[in-house]
Protein backbone atom coordinates (compact mmCIF):
# COMPACT_ATOMS: atom_id res chain seq x y z
CA MET A 1 -15.48 23.80 -2.91
CA ASP A 2 -17.11 23.10 0.52
CA PHE A 3 -14.68 20.51 2.39
CA GLU A 4 -16.72 19.59 5.16
CA ASN A 5 -19.62 18.64 3.88
CA ILE A 6 -17.92 16.38 1.21
CA ALA A 7 -16.69 14.79 4.40
CA LYS A 8 -20.22 14.65 5.56
CA THR A 9 -21.42 13.35 2.45
CA ALA A 10 -18.35 10.30 2.62
CA LYS A 11 -19.17 9.75 6.45
CA ALA A 12 -23.03 9.11 5.04
CA ALA A 13 -21.57 6.95 1.89
CA ALA A 14 -19.56 5.25 4.03
CA LEU A 15 -22.66 3.88 6.05
CA GLU A 16 -24.82 2.71 3.09
CA ILE A 17 -21.60 1.07 1.78
CA ALA A 18 -21.35 -1.10 4.53
CA ASP A 19 -24.76 -2.87 3.67
CA ILE A 20 -24.60 -3.48 -0.13
CA SER A 21 -24.00 -7.06 -1.28
CA THR A 22 -21.01 -8.92 -2.61
CA ASP A 23 -22.76 -9.24 -5.77
CA LEU A 24 -23.59 -5.72 -5.92
CA LYS A 25 -19.51 -4.75 -5.54
CA ASN A 26 -18.55 -6.95 -7.96
CA LYS A 27 -20.96 -6.20 -10.48
CA ALA A 28 -19.41 -3.31 -10.15
CA LEU A 29 -16.11 -3.64 -10.19
CA LEU A 30 -16.38 -5.65 -13.61
CA LYS A 31 -18.29 -2.89 -15.36
CA ILE A 32 -15.59 -0.42 -13.97
CA ALA A 33 -13.21 -2.13 -15.26
CA ASP A 34 -14.56 -2.82 -18.88
CA ASN A 35 -15.45 0.77 -19.05
CA LEU A 36 -12.11 1.89 -18.33
CA GLU A 37 -10.36 -0.51 -21.20
CA LYS A 38 -13.14 1.03 -23.47
CA ASN A 39 -11.99 4.78 -22.74
CA LYS A 40 -8.64 3.58 -22.86
CA THR A 41 -7.79 5.97 -25.72
CA GLU A 42 -9.41 9.19 -23.75
CA ILE A 43 -7.02 8.03 -20.62
CA PHE A 44 -4.03 8.21 -22.79
CA GLU A 45 -4.79 11.60 -24.20
CA ALA A 46 -5.56 12.96 -20.45
CA ASN A 47 -2.01 11.40 -19.22
CA LYS A 48 0.29 12.93 -22.50
CA LYS A 49 -1.34 16.27 -21.30
CA ASP A 50 -0.11 15.67 -17.65
CA LEU A 51 3.28 14.54 -19.19
CA LEU A 52 3.75 17.61 -20.86
CA ASP A 53 2.26 20.06 -18.49
CA ALA A 54 4.87 18.08 -15.92
CA GLU A 55 7.94 18.66 -18.11
CA SER A 56 8.22 22.18 -16.84
CA LEU A 57 7.37 21.52 -13.28
CA VAL A 58 10.86 19.22 -13.39
CA THR A 59 12.72 21.92 -15.34
CA SER A 60 11.64 24.28 -12.22
CA GLY A 61 12.23 21.59 -9.74
CA GLU A 62 8.78 21.69 -8.61
CA ILE A 63 9.00 17.84 -8.86
CA SER A 64 11.89 15.20 -8.97
CA LYS A 65 12.56 13.09 -12.84
CA SER A 66 11.81 10.04 -10.18
CA THR A 67 8.37 11.57 -9.92
CA PHE A 68 8.41 12.32 -13.67
CA ASN A 69 8.44 8.59 -14.34
CA ARG A 70 6.12 7.50 -12.20
CA LEU A 71 3.75 9.82 -13.67
CA LYS A 72 3.75 7.97 -16.91
CA LEU A 73 0.73 5.59 -17.77
CA ASP A 74 1.85 3.07 -20.55
CA GLU A 75 0.16 -0.32 -22.00
CA ASN A 76 1.74 -2.35 -19.32
CA LYS A 77 0.46 0.15 -16.40
CA MET A 78 -3.11 0.16 -17.90
CA ARG A 79 -3.18 -3.82 -18.22
CA ASP A 80 -2.11 -4.58 -14.80
CA MET A 81 -4.72 -1.59 -13.98
CA ILE A 82 -7.28 -2.76 -15.24
CA GLN A 83 -6.48 -6.47 -14.64
CA GLY A 84 -5.81 -5.40 -10.76
CA ILE A 85 -9.63 -4.33 -10.22
CA ARG A 86 -10.79 -7.98 -12.27
CA ASP A 87 -8.54 -9.69 -9.42
CA VAL A 88 -10.30 -7.71 -6.55
CA ALA A 89 -13.51 -8.94 -7.78
CA LYS A 90 -12.33 -12.28 -7.83
CA LEU A 91 -11.43 -12.20 -4.01
CA GLU A 92 -13.35 -13.20 -1.10
CA ASP A 93 -15.41 -10.53 0.26
CA PRO A 94 -13.57 -9.06 3.33
CA VAL A 95 -16.56 -7.40 5.28
CA ASN A 96 -18.70 -9.55 7.69
CA LYS A 97 -16.18 -12.76 7.96
CA LYS A 98 -16.57 -14.74 11.14
CA LEU A 99 -12.83 -13.94 13.06
CA PHE A 100 -13.96 -15.58 16.01
CA VAL A 101 -17.11 -17.30 17.98
CA ARG A 102 -17.61 -17.48 21.41
CA GLU A 103 -20.27 -18.85 23.44
CA LEU A 104 -19.93 -17.01 26.95
CA ASP A 105 -22.85 -18.82 28.34
CA GLU A 106 -25.73 -20.52 27.33
CA GLY A 107 -27.80 -18.63 24.94
CA LEU A 108 -25.00 -15.67 25.16
CA THR A 109 -22.64 -15.76 21.70
CA LEU A 110 -20.04 -13.28 21.19
CA TYR A 111 -18.60 -12.59 17.69
CA LYS A 112 -16.10 -10.49 16.30
CA VAL A 113 -16.72 -9.72 13.02
CA SER A 114 -14.78 -8.34 10.58
CA CYS A 115 -16.11 -4.19 8.90
CA PRO A 116 -15.01 -1.21 6.49
CA ILE A 117 -13.00 1.40 8.37
CA GLY A 118 -15.34 3.92 7.22
CA VAL A 119 -14.03 7.24 5.65
CA LEU A 120 -10.28 7.24 3.86
CA GLY A 121 -8.38 9.88 2.84
CA ILE A 122 -5.83 9.59 0.11
CA ILE A 123 -3.37 11.85 -0.53
CA PHE A 124 -0.76 10.55 -3.32
CA GLU A 125 1.91 12.47 -6.14
CA ALA A 126 1.71 11.05 -9.34
CA ARG A 127 0.91 7.37 -10.15
CA PRO A 128 -2.10 7.80 -12.16
CA ASP A 129 -2.85 4.00 -11.65
CA VAL A 130 -3.66 4.61 -8.33
CA ILE A 131 -7.22 6.23 -8.17
CA ALA A 132 -8.53 2.81 -9.68
CA GLN A 133 -6.49 0.55 -7.60
CA ILE A 134 -7.80 2.44 -4.27
CA SER A 135 -11.46 2.78 -5.94
CA ALA A 136 -11.61 -1.03 -6.81
CA LEU A 137 -10.51 -2.02 -2.75
CA ALA A 138 -12.56 0.98 -1.22
CA ILE A 139 -15.53 -0.61 -3.22
CA LYS A 140 -14.67 -4.45 -2.26
CA SER A 141 -13.94 -3.35 1.29
CA ALA A 142 -16.99 -1.07 1.41
CA ASN A 143 -14.96 2.01 2.23
CA ALA A 144 -15.68 5.40 1.34
CA VAL A 145 -12.67 7.27 -0.22
CA ILE A 146 -11.85 11.43 -0.15
CA LEU A 147 -8.90 11.15 -3.18
CA LYS A 148 -6.31 13.65 -3.40
CA GLY A 149 -3.79 13.47 -6.37
CA GLY A 150 -1.06 15.54 -7.14
CA LYS A 151 -1.61 18.38 -9.28
CA GLU A 152 1.08 16.84 -11.97
CA SER A 153 -1.64 14.27 -12.90
CA ILE A 154 -4.57 16.04 -12.60
CA ASN A 155 -6.04 15.29 -15.92
CA THR A 156 -5.16 11.77 -15.63
CA ASN A 157 -7.00 11.57 -12.19
CA LYS A 158 -10.05 13.49 -13.35
CA THR A 159 -10.39 10.93 -16.15
CA VAL A 160 -10.38 7.83 -14.60
CA LEU A 161 -12.25 8.73 -11.62
CA GLY A 162 -14.92 10.31 -13.89
CA ILE A 163 -15.25 7.00 -16.03
CA ILE A 164 -15.56 5.16 -12.49
CA ASN A 165 -18.53 7.06 -10.68
CA LYS A 166 -20.53 7.83 -14.10
CA THR A 167 -20.04 3.55 -13.97
CA LEU A 168 -21.32 3.56 -10.49
CA ASP A 169 -24.49 6.11 -11.35
CA GLU A 170 -25.19 3.46 -13.86
CA ILE A 171 -25.51 0.77 -11.39
CA ASP A 172 -29.09 0.33 -9.21
CA GLY A 173 -28.45 0.00 -5.87
CA PHE A 174 -25.26 1.41 -5.65
CA PRO A 175 -24.78 4.95 -2.63
CA LYS A 176 -23.63 8.21 -4.36
CA ASN A 177 -20.47 10.16 -2.70
CA VAL A 178 -18.79 6.44 -2.19
CA LEU A 179 -16.10 7.84 -4.39
CA GLN A 180 -14.74 11.73 -4.14
CA GLN A 181 -12.23 13.90 -5.26
CA VAL A 182 -10.78 17.14 -4.25
CA PHE A 183 -7.49 19.12 -5.90
CA THR A 184 -6.49 22.12 -3.83
CA ARG A 185 -3.48 22.35 -1.18
CA ASP A 186 -6.46 24.26 0.95
CA ASP A 187 -8.11 21.14 0.53
CA VAL A 188 -5.30 18.65 1.89
CA ALA A 189 -4.99 21.10 4.82
CA GLN A 190 -8.98 20.85 5.71
CA MET A 191 -8.37 16.70 5.09
CA LEU A 192 -6.07 16.63 7.58
CA LYS A 193 -8.22 18.65 10.24
CA CYS A 194 -11.70 16.80 9.41
CA ASP A 195 -10.94 14.00 12.39
CA LYS A 196 -15.17 14.18 12.84
CA TYR A 197 -15.60 12.40 9.51
CA ILE A 198 -12.55 11.16 8.14
CA ASN A 199 -10.97 7.18 9.63
CA LEU A 200 -7.78 6.70 8.32
CA ILE A 201 -5.63 9.40 6.34
CA ILE A 202 -3.22 7.12 3.66
CA PRO A 203 -0.14 9.02 2.11
CA ARG A 204 1.39 8.01 -1.06
CA GLY A 205 4.40 10.07 -1.98
CA GLY A 206 7.70 11.01 -0.98
CA ASN A 207 9.21 11.40 2.52
CA LYS A 208 8.18 15.03 2.45
CA LEU A 209 4.49 14.80 2.01
CA VAL A 210 4.25 11.62 4.74
CA LYS A 211 6.06 13.82 6.93
CA PHE A 212 4.25 16.83 6.70
CA ILE A 213 1.09 14.62 6.99
CA LYS A 214 1.97 12.78 10.40
CA GLU A 215 2.97 15.93 11.85
CA ASN A 216 -0.12 17.74 11.12
CA THR A 217 -3.26 15.68 12.16
CA LYS A 218 -4.86 13.63 14.38
CA ILE A 219 -6.35 11.15 12.00
CA PRO A 220 -4.22 7.85 12.39
CA VAL A 221 -1.93 7.87 9.23
CA LEU A 222 -0.87 4.51 7.33
CA GLY A 223 2.01 4.89 5.16
CA HIS A 224 5.35 4.90 4.69
CA ALA A 225 8.03 7.89 4.38
CA ASP A 226 11.13 6.38 3.02
CA GLY A 227 11.68 3.15 0.88
CA ILE A 228 15.27 2.40 1.89
CA CYS A 229 15.62 -1.51 0.57
CA HIS A 230 18.45 -3.46 1.50
CA ILE A 231 20.14 -6.49 -0.74
CA PHE A 232 22.24 -8.64 1.76
CA VAL A 233 24.91 -11.10 -0.19
CA ASP A 234 25.90 -13.32 1.88
CA GLU A 235 29.26 -15.35 2.33
CA THR A 236 27.84 -18.60 0.23
CA ALA A 237 25.37 -16.41 -1.82
CA ASP A 238 25.72 -17.82 -5.60
CA LEU A 239 27.31 -15.15 -7.92
CA ASP A 240 24.90 -15.42 -10.65
CA MET A 241 21.24 -15.32 -8.55
CA ALA A 242 23.26 -11.97 -6.62
CA ILE A 243 23.31 -10.12 -10.15
CA LYS A 244 20.03 -11.01 -11.45
CA VAL A 245 18.37 -10.25 -8.24
CA ILE A 246 20.01 -6.76 -7.73
CA VAL A 247 20.25 -6.16 -10.99
CA ASP A 248 16.21 -6.55 -11.29
CA ALA A 249 16.16 -4.83 -7.49
CA LYS A 250 17.68 -1.41 -8.69
CA THR A 251 16.97 -1.70 -12.44
CA GLN A 252 13.44 -2.90 -13.12
CA TYR A 253 11.90 0.69 -11.90
CA PRO A 254 14.24 2.32 -9.78
CA SER A 255 12.10 5.15 -8.63
CA ALA A 256 9.43 3.15 -7.12
CA CYS A 257 9.77 2.66 -3.46
CA ASN A 258 10.40 -0.82 -3.55
CA SER A 259 13.58 -0.65 -5.43
CA VAL A 260 16.89 -1.70 -3.66
CA GLU A 261 18.68 1.40 -2.30
CA THR A 262 21.83 -0.42 -0.35
CA LEU A 263 23.47 -3.48 -0.81
CA LEU A 264 25.98 -5.24 1.87
CA ILE A 265 28.46 -7.60 0.87
CA HIS A 266 29.94 -10.49 3.46
CA GLU A 267 33.54 -9.63 3.59
CA LYS A 268 34.45 -13.03 2.80
CA PHE A 269 32.14 -13.47 -0.23
CA PRO A 270 34.64 -14.47 -2.77
CA ASP A 271 33.35 -12.98 -6.08
CA THR A 272 32.82 -8.94 -4.56
CA GLU A 273 34.57 -7.90 -7.50
CA LYS A 274 32.97 -9.36 -10.16
CA LEU A 275 29.75 -8.63 -8.87
CA LEU A 276 30.52 -4.77 -8.76
CA ALA A 277 31.75 -4.96 -12.01
CA SER A 278 28.58 -6.98 -13.18
CA LEU A 279 26.47 -4.33 -11.63
CA GLN A 280 28.31 -1.55 -13.09
CA LEU A 281 27.66 -2.93 -16.46
CA ALA A 282 23.86 -2.85 -16.40
CA GLU A 283 24.59 0.90 -16.07
CA ILE A 284 24.40 0.76 -11.83
CA LYS A 285 26.09 3.69 -10.12
CA LEU A 286 27.81 2.56 -7.30
CA VAL A 287 28.98 5.05 -4.11
CA GLY A 288 30.19 3.81 -1.04
CA ASP A 289 29.59 7.16 0.76
CA PRO A 290 27.89 6.26 4.14
CA ASP A 291 26.09 9.33 3.61
CA THR A 292 23.98 7.33 1.27
CA TRP A 293 23.28 4.63 3.83
CA ALA A 294 19.80 6.09 4.54
CA PHE A 295 18.67 7.69 1.24
CA GLU A 296 16.54 7.34 -0.95
CA HIS A 297 18.22 7.77 -4.30
CA GLY A 298 15.08 7.12 -6.67
CA ASP A 299 17.22 6.25 -9.55
CA THR A 300 20.29 3.69 -10.70
CA THR A 301 22.60 5.14 -7.79
CA LEU A 302 23.21 1.93 -5.29
CA ALA A 303 24.85 2.41 -2.08
CA PHE A 304 27.22 -0.42 -1.15
CA LYS A 305 29.28 -1.55 1.92
CA LYS A 306 31.07 -4.68 3.17
CA VAL A 307 30.16 -6.05 6.37
CA LYS A 308 31.81 -8.77 8.58
CA ASN A 309 29.14 -11.02 9.08
CA LEU A 310 25.47 -11.55 8.92
CA ASP A 311 24.79 -10.10 12.86
CA GLU A 312 26.40 -7.07 11.41
CA ALA A 313 24.15 -6.60 8.18
CA ILE A 314 20.84 -7.22 10.46
CA GLU A 315 22.24 -4.21 12.56
CA HIS A 316 23.22 -2.01 9.61
CA ILE A 317 19.81 -2.21 7.97
CA ASN A 318 17.67 -2.38 11.15
CA THR A 319 19.74 1.03 11.42
CA TYR A 320 19.82 3.04 8.40
CA GLY A 321 16.60 0.97 6.76
CA SER A 322 13.24 2.15 6.59
CA GLY A 323 11.19 -0.64 7.81
CA HIS A 324 9.96 -1.56 3.99
CA THR A 325 11.31 -4.31 2.68
CA ASP A 326 14.84 -6.08 2.96
CA SER A 327 16.72 -9.19 1.25
CA ILE A 328 18.88 -11.67 1.82
CA ILE A 329 20.97 -14.06 -0.78
CA THR A 330 22.59 -17.15 0.56
CA LYS A 331 22.90 -20.92 0.06
CA ASN A 332 22.88 -20.82 4.28
CA ILE A 333 19.20 -21.68 4.97
CA GLU A 334 19.74 -20.74 8.89
CA ASN A 335 20.97 -17.24 7.55
CA ALA A 336 18.33 -17.20 5.79
CA GLU A 337 15.64 -17.68 8.70
CA LYS A 338 17.68 -15.58 11.42
CA PHE A 339 17.63 -12.76 8.64
CA MET A 340 14.38 -12.62 7.90
CA ASN A 341 13.46 -13.21 11.64
CA LYS A 342 16.02 -10.37 12.80
CA VAL A 343 15.48 -7.78 10.16
CA ASP A 344 12.45 -5.35 11.22
CA SER A 345 10.92 -4.82 8.49
CA ALA A 346 7.35 -5.17 6.67
CA GLY A 347 8.94 -7.83 4.12
CA VAL A 348 12.04 -9.96 4.58
CA TYR A 349 12.64 -12.14 1.40
CA PHE A 350 15.12 -14.79 0.66
CA ASN A 351 16.93 -14.94 -2.91
CA ALA A 352 14.15 -12.86 -3.85
CA SER A 353 13.99 -9.34 -5.56
CA THR A 354 12.71 -6.30 -3.36
CA ARG A 355 10.47 -5.39 -6.42
CA PHE A 356 8.22 -8.03 -5.04
CA ALA A 357 7.24 -6.11 -2.54
CA ASP A 358 3.52 -5.07 -4.17
CA GLY A 359 0.21 -5.97 -3.46
CA PHE A 360 -0.60 -7.27 -7.32
CA ARG A 361 2.19 -9.09 -7.05
CA TYR A 362 0.65 -10.85 -3.42
CA GLY A 363 -2.25 -11.65 -4.93
CA PHE A 364 -4.32 -8.59 -3.33
CA GLY A 365 -5.68 -7.38 -6.66
CA ALA A 366 -4.03 -3.54 -6.19
CA GLU A 367 -2.80 -1.91 -3.00
CA VAL A 368 -3.92 1.36 -1.55
CA GLY A 369 0.16 1.49 -0.29
CA ILE A 370 2.98 0.34 1.38
CA SER A 371 2.78 0.64 4.94
CA THR A 372 5.75 0.16 7.70
CA ASN A 373 3.54 1.08 10.46
CA LYS A 374 3.16 -1.45 13.65
CA THR A 375 -0.69 -1.27 13.48
CA HIS A 376 -3.49 -3.12 11.97
CA ALA A 377 -1.95 -3.05 8.64
CA ARG A 378 1.59 -3.74 7.66
CA GLY A 379 3.30 -4.53 3.80
CA PRO A 380 1.50 -3.70 0.95
CA VAL A 381 -2.27 -3.06 1.96
CA GLY A 382 -5.09 -4.70 0.08
CA LEU A 383 -8.41 -5.74 1.10
CA GLU A 384 -7.72 -6.90 4.76
CA GLY A 385 -5.86 -3.91 5.38
CA LEU A 386 -9.12 -1.42 5.22
CA THR A 387 -11.11 -3.76 7.51
CA ILE A 388 -10.97 -3.41 10.94
CA TYR A 389 -13.73 -5.50 13.45
CA LYS A 390 -16.66 -5.22 15.69
CA TYR A 391 -17.80 -7.39 18.58
CA LYS A 392 -21.58 -8.99 18.17
CA LEU A 393 -22.89 -10.35 21.10
CA ILE A 394 -26.39 -12.04 21.07
CA GLY A 395 -28.15 -12.93 24.06
CA LYS A 396 -31.57 -13.47 25.23
CA GLY A 397 -32.15 -11.03 27.84
CA HIS A 398 -28.89 -11.94 29.47
CA ILE A 399 -27.62 -9.04 32.29
CA VAL A 400 -24.50 -8.78 34.19
CA LYS A 401 -26.09 -9.03 37.30
CA ASP A 402 -26.53 -12.53 37.57
CA TYR A 403 -22.40 -13.15 36.87
CA VAL A 404 -21.49 -10.85 39.17
CA ASP A 405 -24.13 -12.26 41.97
CA GLY A 406 -23.05 -15.99 41.46
CA THR A 407 -26.29 -16.97 40.03
CA LYS A 408 -24.53 -18.29 36.82
CA GLN A 409 -21.11 -18.60 35.59
CA PHE A 410 -19.47 -17.67 32.33
CA ARG A 411 -18.43 -20.89 30.18
CA HIS A 412 -15.89 -19.00 27.26
CA LYS A 413 -16.51 -22.10 25.39
CA GLU A 414 -15.09 -21.41 21.63
CA ILE A 415 -17.10 -22.40 18.78
CA LEU A 416 -16.14 -23.59 15.36
CA ASP A 417 -18.01 -21.88 12.74
C-alpha cells in the first residue's frame, strides 16, 4: 500500500469537502447512522472475532486487560455510537462561521471565518466506537481523515468503516477518499513523516503510544498521554455524596481515561474512615504508596492521600496530575471556585464525577479524543476543535500605499453581524 498516495488523495478530498453544503453533510450522517443500525449483527460478529483473537494477546502480554475491556462493543456502546452520529447531524455546522467582522475602512471589510483543519491522522488502540465517532465529526467539520486502529480491533474497524464508506459512495455529490484506513506499523511510521499532506495527528491510546508519536513527528499532535484524574474531598464534603461520586468515578468504567486514579482527603474531614470503608465495600482497592500518585491504573485500584488543606490538594494535583480532569467535593463554594481556578486541567469539576469528561456527555455528539494541550482545543474535542480559522478581506481596489502616505486612515470599526 502506497501511503504517500493515500495522503495525497486525502489532501485532495479535504479541499473538496471544504466546500460542500451543510445539508449534504447531514444527509450523509443520518444515512450512516441508519446503515450502522441495520448492520449491527455484522458489526457485533466482527467484534466477537476481535475479542476472541485478543484473548491470546492479553495472555502473551501484548495488550493489557484494560485495553481488552475497551475493545468490547456491546449494545450500550452501539446505541451511543449511533445516537452520537445523529446528534452530530443536529449540531450547528462549525464551518464558515463568522467569528468577527471588522470594517478596516469604508468598503474594506475583514472577516475572521472558521474553516476545516484539513487532513487528520488518527491513531488509536482498541475502542471500536472510535471509527464512527471520528467519521461523523470529520464529515460535519469538513476534514479528511486517515485512520489507523490497533491490530486487536482490525475486524471491527474494517466492518464499521466499510459500512460508512459504502454509504458515502451512494450519496451524490459526496467526495471520494474523505475517510481512509491503514493497518500496519509501517503505515504509522509513514504517517508521522507525512507533514506535507497531514495537518494534525490525534492519538487515542496509552501513554506509550502518545509519547512515541509526539517524539517522532513534526506534525502537530493533539491528545493526552495520561489520564491521572483526582477527586479532592474537602473538609465540609457530604459523606454520602463523596461516596457516590468516587464510586462512580472509579468503578463505572475503570479503564477509561477519565476514571479517577487518586483520592485526596482533607485531614479534618470527619468521616474519613467511613468513606474509605465504603469504597472498599464497593470493591475498590485502596493504596497509599507515593509511587502510585502519578500512575494510571486502569482498574479499580485507587491511590489516596490525606492533605492539610485545599492549597496542598491543588499543589498535589498540579504536580502529579496529567491535566485531564479533576474534581472537588465540598459545601464551600469559595473553596470550589478557588479549586476550579487554580487547578491547571482541561476539566475542573465541583461535586461531580470525573467520568463526565466526554464529548457525548458534553453534548458534542461525539469526540475525536480528549486534549490536555494548551493549543486551540482542550478537553473533549468535538466539532469546534476540528476547525481553525482564516481571514477573508473584501475591498474595492484598496491599496496599502494610501494608508502609508496618509491619504486614507483606518477606522477599525467592529461590525455586529
